Amino acid sequence: MTKYFAMLALGWCALAPVQAQTSASRIAWISPERIYNESKLAKLAEEKLKEEFKGREKAMSEMAARLKTASDKLEADAPTLTEADRIKRQRDVFELDKEYQRRQREFREDVSQRTNEERQAISEKATKIIKQLANVEGFDIVLQDAVWASSRIDITEKVLAALDKDK
């Protein structure tokens, strides 16, 4: 008999949360990649970054051309060079290549850092809009990472429109 009451009590405990919830939760979903790629803010940030880094990008291209020219010249001249001259030119090409690699790595790191800063600014603005939208439309949760989401709950267009209007 006590087992019966224990099972009955356990059953009531399991049902209590279901009975306490009176309305269904509202869920929404956004695509952060679309926000980062399609919003006017994202396009302005991309143009800003291109402008900001175009001088360094040009310098990197020029350095790459110098490296290729030096390497090709060393290869062409190698049979006629003395051992000492060949070693010196190999060392010069090696040093130029090492400097190019260092500058290229720094360039990529700087571009990545600035891109992340711009994305963070977009994310902060989008988050404010998402919170406002969630309050107005009564969403209990807004997800951004999902394997799949129905178009019924996708609010990306609304967020993009508000971001572009707010810009």
C-alpha atoms as a PDB file:
ATOM      1  CA  MET A   1       0.000   0.000   0.000  1.00  0.00           C
ATOM      2  CA  THR A   2       2.796   2.434   0.812  1.00  0.00           C
ATOM      3  CA  LYS A   3       4.337   1.698  -2.583  1.00  0.00           C
ATOM      4  CA  TYR A   4       1.024   2.660  -4.176  1.00  0.00           C
ATOM      5  CA  PHE A   5       0.942   6.034  -2.360  1.00  0.00           C
ATOM      6  CA  ALA A   6       4.587   6.644  -3.134  1.00  0.00           C
ATOM      7  CA  MET A   7       3.959   6.069  -6.850  1.00  0.00           C
ATOM      8  CA  LEU A   8       0.861   8.273  -6.741  1.00  0.00           C
ATOM      9  CA  ALA A   9       2.798  11.059  -5.020  1.00  0.00           C
ATOM     10  CA  LEU A  10       5.613  10.745  -7.561  1.00  0.00           C
ATOM     11  CA  GLY A  11       3.103  10.995 -10.392  1.00  0.00           C
ATOM     12  CA  TRP A  12       1.579  14.172  -8.949  1.00  0.00           C
ATOM     13  CA  CYS A  13       5.029  15.708  -8.530  1.00  0.00           C
ATOM     14  CA  ALA A  14       5.841  14.998 -12.151  1.00  0.00           C
ATOM     15  CA  LEU A  15       2.594  16.613 -13.328  1.00  0.00           C
ATOM     16  CA  ALA A  16       2.861  19.721 -11.133  1.00  0.00           C
ATOM     17  CA  PRO A  17       5.162  21.724 -13.481  1.00  0.00           C
ATOM     18  CA  VAL A  18       2.954  20.948 -16.466  1.00  0.00           C
ATOM     19  CA  GLN A  19      -0.155  22.102 -14.636  1.00  0.00           C
ATOM     20  CA  ALA A  20       1.596  25.264 -13.371  1.00  0.00           C
ATOM     21  CA  GLN A  21       2.386  26.406 -16.907  1.00  0.00           C
ATOM     22  CA  THR A  22      -0.750  27.980 -18.324  1.00  0.00           C
ATOM     23  CA  SER A  23       0.462  29.266 -21.695  1.00  0.00           C
ATOM     24  CA  ALA A  24       2.878  27.997 -24.312  1.00  0.00           C
ATOM     25  CA  SER A  25       6.339  29.546 -24.513  1.00  0.00           C
ATOM     26  CA  ARG A  26       7.089  31.766 -27.476  1.00  0.00           C
ATOM     27  CA  ILE A  27      10.391  31.135 -29.177  1.00  0.00           C
ATOM     28  CA  ALA A  28      12.154  33.207 -31.818  1.00  0.00           C
ATOM     29  CA  TRP A  29      15.350  32.678 -33.768  1.00  0.00           C
ATOM     30  CA  ILE A  30      17.808  34.978 -35.549  1.00  0.00           C
ATOM     31  CA  SER A  31      20.692  34.337 -37.906  1.00  0.00           C
ATOM     32  CA  PRO A  32      23.745  36.230 -36.625  1.00  0.00           C
ATOM     33  CA  GLU A  33      25.590  35.607 -39.898  1.00  0.00           C
ATOM     34  CA  ARG A  34      22.841  37.371 -41.833  1.00  0.00           C
ATOM     35  CA  ILE A  35      23.022  40.279 -39.373  1.00  0.00           C
ATOM     36  CA  TYR A  36      26.826  40.479 -39.833  1.00  0.00           C
ATOM     37  CA  ASN A  37      26.663  40.144 -43.611  1.00  0.00           C
ATOM     38  CA  GLU A  38      23.438  41.769 -44.805  1.00  0.00           C
ATOM     39  CA  SER A  39      22.816  44.760 -42.556  1.00  0.00           C
ATOM     40  CA  LYS A  40      23.729  48.243 -43.713  1.00  0.00           C
ATOM     41  CA  LEU A  41      25.887  48.566 -40.603  1.00  0.00           C
ATOM     42  CA  ALA A  42      27.852  45.481 -41.644  1.00  0.00           C
ATOM     43  CA  LYS A  43      28.349  46.797 -45.171  1.00  0.00           C
ATOM     44  CA  LEU A  44      29.482  50.177 -43.836  1.00  0.00           C
ATOM     45  CA  ALA A  45      31.877  48.438 -41.447  1.00  0.00           C
ATOM     46  CA  GLU A  46      33.285  46.362 -44.313  1.00  0.00           C
ATOM     47  CA  GLU A  47      33.902  49.482 -46.410  1.00  0.00           C
ATOM     48  CA  LYS A  48      35.459  51.221 -43.405  1.00  0.00           C
ATOM     49  CA  LEU A  49      37.834  48.311 -42.834  1.00  0.00           C
ATOM     50  CA  LYS A  50      38.804  48.111 -46.508  1.00  0.00           C
ATOM     51  CA  GLU A  51      39.638  51.817 -46.459  1.00  0.00           C
ATOM     52  CA  GLU A  52      41.490  51.501 -43.152  1.00  0.00           C
ATOM     53  CA  PHE A  53      43.710  48.648 -44.366  1.00  0.00           C
ATOM     54  CA  LYS A  54      44.157  49.434 -48.061  1.00  0.00           C
ATOM     55  CA  GLY A  55      47.547  51.113 -47.523  1.00  0.00           C
ATOM     56  CA  ARG A  56      48.941  48.154 -45.633  1.00  0.00           C
ATOM     57  CA  GLU A  57      47.419  45.735 -48.146  1.00  0.00           C
ATOM     58  CA  LYS A  58      49.178  47.586 -50.960  1.00  0.00           C
ATOM     59  CA  ALA A  59      52.478  47.526 -49.037  1.00  0.00           C
ATOM     60  CA  MET A  60      52.059  43.764 -48.526  1.00  0.00           C
ATOM     61  CA  SER A  61      51.460  43.245 -52.249  1.00  0.00           C
ATOM     62  CA  GLU A  62      54.561  45.275 -53.086  1.00  0.00           C
ATOM     63  CA  MET A  63      56.631  43.303 -50.597  1.00  0.00           C
ATOM     64  CA  ALA A  64      55.351  40.013 -52.059  1.00  0.00           C
ATOM     65  CA  ALA A  65      56.347  41.218 -55.534  1.00  0.00           C
ATOM     66  CA  ARG A  66      59.849  42.158 -54.273  1.00  0.00           C
ATOM     67  CA  LEU A  67      60.195  38.735 -52.672  1.00  0.00           C
ATOM     68  CA  LYS A  68      59.143  36.962 -55.873  1.00  0.00           C
ATOM     69  CA  THR A  69      61.512  39.072 -57.963  1.00  0.00           C
ATOM     70  CA  ALA A  70      64.437  38.410 -55.588  1.00  0.00           C
ATOM     71  CA  SER A  71      63.659  34.696 -55.475  1.00  0.00           C
ATOM     72  CA  ASP A  72      63.353  34.433 -59.282  1.00  0.00           C
ATOM     73  CA  LYS A  73      66.579  36.415 -59.767  1.00  0.00           C
ATOM     74  CA  LEU A  74      68.424  34.173 -57.298  1.00  0.00           C
ATOM     75  CA  GLU A  75      67.176  31.072 -59.114  1.00  0.00           C
ATOM     76  CA  ALA A  76      68.189  32.466 -62.502  1.00  0.00           C
ATOM     77  CA  ASP A  77      71.605  33.713 -61.345  1.00  0.00           C
ATOM     78  CA  ALA A  78      72.481  30.776 -59.055  1.00  0.00           C
ATOM     79  CA  PRO A  79      74.545  28.805 -61.619  1.00  0.00           C
ATOM     80  CA  THR A  80      76.830  31.792 -62.301  1.00  0.00           C
ATOM     81  CA  LEU A  81      77.248  33.045 -58.722  1.00  0.00           C
ATOM     82  CA  THR A  82      80.201  32.301 -56.515  1.00  0.00           C
ATOM     83  CA  GLU A  83      79.467  30.203 -53.454  1.00  0.00           C
ATOM     84  CA  ALA A  84      79.750  33.235 -51.146  1.00  0.00           C
ATOM     85  CA  ASP A  85      77.451  35.401 -53.326  1.00  0.00           C
ATOM     86  CA  ARG A  86      74.890  32.609 -53.636  1.00  0.00           C
ATOM     87  CA  ILE A  87      74.822  32.085 -49.848  1.00  0.00           C
ATOM     88  CA  LYS A  88      74.521  35.845 -49.264  1.00  0.00           C
ATOM     89  CA  ARG A  89      71.630  36.177 -51.721  1.00  0.00           C
ATOM     90  CA  GLN A  90      69.909  33.089 -50.293  1.00  0.00           C
ATOM     91  CA  ARG A  91      70.181  34.638 -46.834  1.00  0.00           C
ATOM     92  CA  ASP A  92      68.780  37.946 -48.150  1.00  0.00           C
ATOM     93  CA  VAL A  93      65.821  36.164 -49.785  1.00  0.00           C
ATOM     94  CA  PHE A  94      65.285  34.123 -46.622  1.00  0.00           C
ATOM     95  CA  GLU A  95      65.299  37.279 -44.451  1.00  0.00           C
ATOM     96  CA  LEU A  96      62.919  39.056 -46.847  1.00  0.00           C
ATOM     97  CA  ASP A  97      60.597  36.038 -46.772  1.00  0.00           C
ATOM     98  CA  LYS A  98      60.745  35.908 -42.966  1.00  0.00           C
ATOM     99  CA  GLU A  99      59.903  39.633 -42.749  1.00  0.00           C
ATOM    100  CA  TYR A 100      57.080  39.199 -45.256  1.00  0.00           C
ATOM    101  CA  GLN A 101      55.620  36.291 -43.246  1.00  0.00           C
ATOM    102  CA  ARG A 102      55.819  38.327 -40.016  1.00  0.00           C
ATOM    103  CA  ARG A 103      54.129  41.349 -41.563  1.00  0.00           C
ATOM    104  CA  GLN A 104      51.475  39.173 -43.199  1.00  0.00           C
ATOM    105  CA  ARG A 105      50.699  37.521 -39.852  1.00  0.00           C
ATOM    106  CA  GLU A 106      50.473  40.925 -38.118  1.00  0.00           C
ATOM    107  CA  PHE A 107      48.249  42.220 -40.912  1.00  0.00           C
ATOM    108  CA  ARG A 108      45.863  39.264 -40.596  1.00  0.00           C
ATOM    109  CA  GLU A 109      45.760  39.629 -36.806  1.00  0.00           C
ATOM    110  CA  ASP A 110      45.025  43.363 -37.061  1.00  0.00           C
ATOM    111  CA  VAL A 111      42.286  42.827 -39.647  1.00  0.00           C
ATOM    112  CA  SER A 112      40.788  40.077 -37.506  1.00  0.00           C
ATOM    113  CA  GLN A 113      40.859  42.236 -34.377  1.00  0.00           C
ATOM    114  CA  ARG A 114      39.244  45.209 -36.121  1.00  0.00           C
ATOM    115  CA  THR A 115      36.634  42.955 -37.741  1.00  0.00           C
ATOM    116  CA  ASN A 116      35.766  41.548 -34.324  1.00  0.00           C
ATOM    117  CA  GLU A 117      35.479  45.083 -32.904  1.00  0.00           C
ATOM    118  CA  GLU A 118      33.095  46.113 -35.686  1.00  0.00           C
ATOM    119  CA  ARG A 119      31.066  42.928 -35.248  1.00  0.00           C
ATOM    120  CA  GLN A 120      30.854  43.568 -31.517  1.00  0.00           C
ATOM    121  CA  ALA A 121      29.400  47.037 -32.156  1.00  0.00           C
ATOM    122  CA  ILE A 122      26.826  45.549 -34.556  1.00  0.00           C
ATOM    123  CA  SER A 123      26.061  42.799 -32.044  1.00  0.00           C
ATOM    124  CA  GLU A 124      25.404  45.309 -29.259  1.00  0.00           C
ATOM    125  CA  LYS A 125      22.966  47.274 -31.425  1.00  0.00           C
ATOM    126  CA  ALA A 126      21.262  44.094 -32.618  1.00  0.00           C
ATOM    127  CA  THR A 127      20.954  42.823 -29.045  1.00  0.00           C
ATOM    128  CA  LYS A 128      19.131  46.003 -27.971  1.00  0.00           C
ATOM    129  CA  ILE A 129      16.741  45.627 -30.900  1.00  0.00           C
ATOM    130  CA  ILE A 130      16.197  41.930 -30.179  1.00  0.00           C
ATOM    131  CA  LYS A 131      15.383  42.652 -26.532  1.00  0.00           C
ATOM    132  CA  GLN A 132      12.901  45.367 -27.539  1.00  0.00           C
ATOM    133  CA  LEU A 133      11.317  43.067 -30.121  1.00  0.00           C
ATOM    134  CA  ALA A 134      11.115  40.232 -27.589  1.00  0.00           C
ATOM    135  CA  ASN A 135       9.321  42.497 -25.100  1.00  0.00           C
ATOM    136  CA  VAL A 136       6.903  43.888 -27.668  1.00  0.00           C
ATOM    137  CA  GLU A 137       6.069  40.536 -29.273  1.00  0.00           C
ATOM    138  CA  GLY A 138       6.157  38.522 -26.045  1.00  0.00           C
ATOM    139  CA  PHE A 139       8.997  36.101 -26.792  1.00  0.00           C
ATOM    140  CA  ASP A 140      10.234  34.042 -23.877  1.00  0.00           C
ATOM    141  CA  ILE A 141      13.514  33.208 -25.570  1.00  0.00           C
ATOM    142  CA  VAL A 142      15.397  34.253 -28.710  1.00  0.00           C
ATOM    143  CA  LEU A 143      17.917  31.726 -29.995  1.00  0.00           C
ATOM    144  CA  GLN A 144      20.762  32.345 -32.379  1.00  0.00           C
ATOM    145  CA  ASP A 145      22.479  28.967 -32.669  1.00  0.00           C
ATOM    146  CA  ALA A 146      20.391  26.159 -34.033  1.00  0.00           C
ATOM    147  CA  VAL A 147      20.887  23.287 -36.398  1.00  0.00           C
ATOM    148  CA  TRP A 148      17.580  24.175 -37.999  1.00  0.00           C
ATOM    149  CA  ALA A 149      14.823  26.698 -37.321  1.00  0.00           C
ATOM    150  CA  SER A 150      11.424  27.124 -38.911  1.00  0.00           C
ATOM    151  CA  SER A 151      10.807  30.304 -40.870  1.00  0.00           C
ATOM    152  CA  ARG A 152       7.788  30.823 -38.589  1.00  0.00           C
ATOM    153  CA  ILE A 153      10.078  31.749 -35.689  1.00  0.00           C
ATOM    154  CA  ASP A 154      12.822  33.505 -37.719  1.00  0.00           C
ATOM    155  CA  ILE A 155      12.873  37.202 -36.780  1.00  0.00           C
ATOM    156  CA  THR A 156      16.090  38.024 -38.653  1.00  0.00           C
ATOM    157  CA  GLU A 157      14.277  40.180 -41.225  1.00  0.00           C
ATOM    158  CA  LYS A 158      12.641  42.249 -38.487  1.00  0.00           C
ATOM    159  CA  VAL A 159      15.978  42.763 -36.751  1.00  0.00           C
ATOM    160  CA  LEU A 160      17.674  43.694 -40.039  1.00  0.00           C
ATOM    161  CA  ALA A 161      14.921  46.187 -40.834  1.00  0.00           C
ATOM    162  CA  ALA A 162      15.189  47.785 -37.396  1.00  0.00           C
ATOM    163  CA  LEU A 163      19.013  47.878 -37.584  1.00  0.00           C
ATOM    164  CA  ASP A 164      18.943  49.488 -41.017  1.00  0.00           C
ATOM    165  CA  LYS A 165      16.311  51.993 -39.913  1.00  0.00           C
ATOM    166  CA  ASP A 166      18.282  52.767 -36.746  1.00  0.00           C
ATOM    167  CA  LYS A 167      21.544  53.208 -38.631  1.00  0.00           C
END
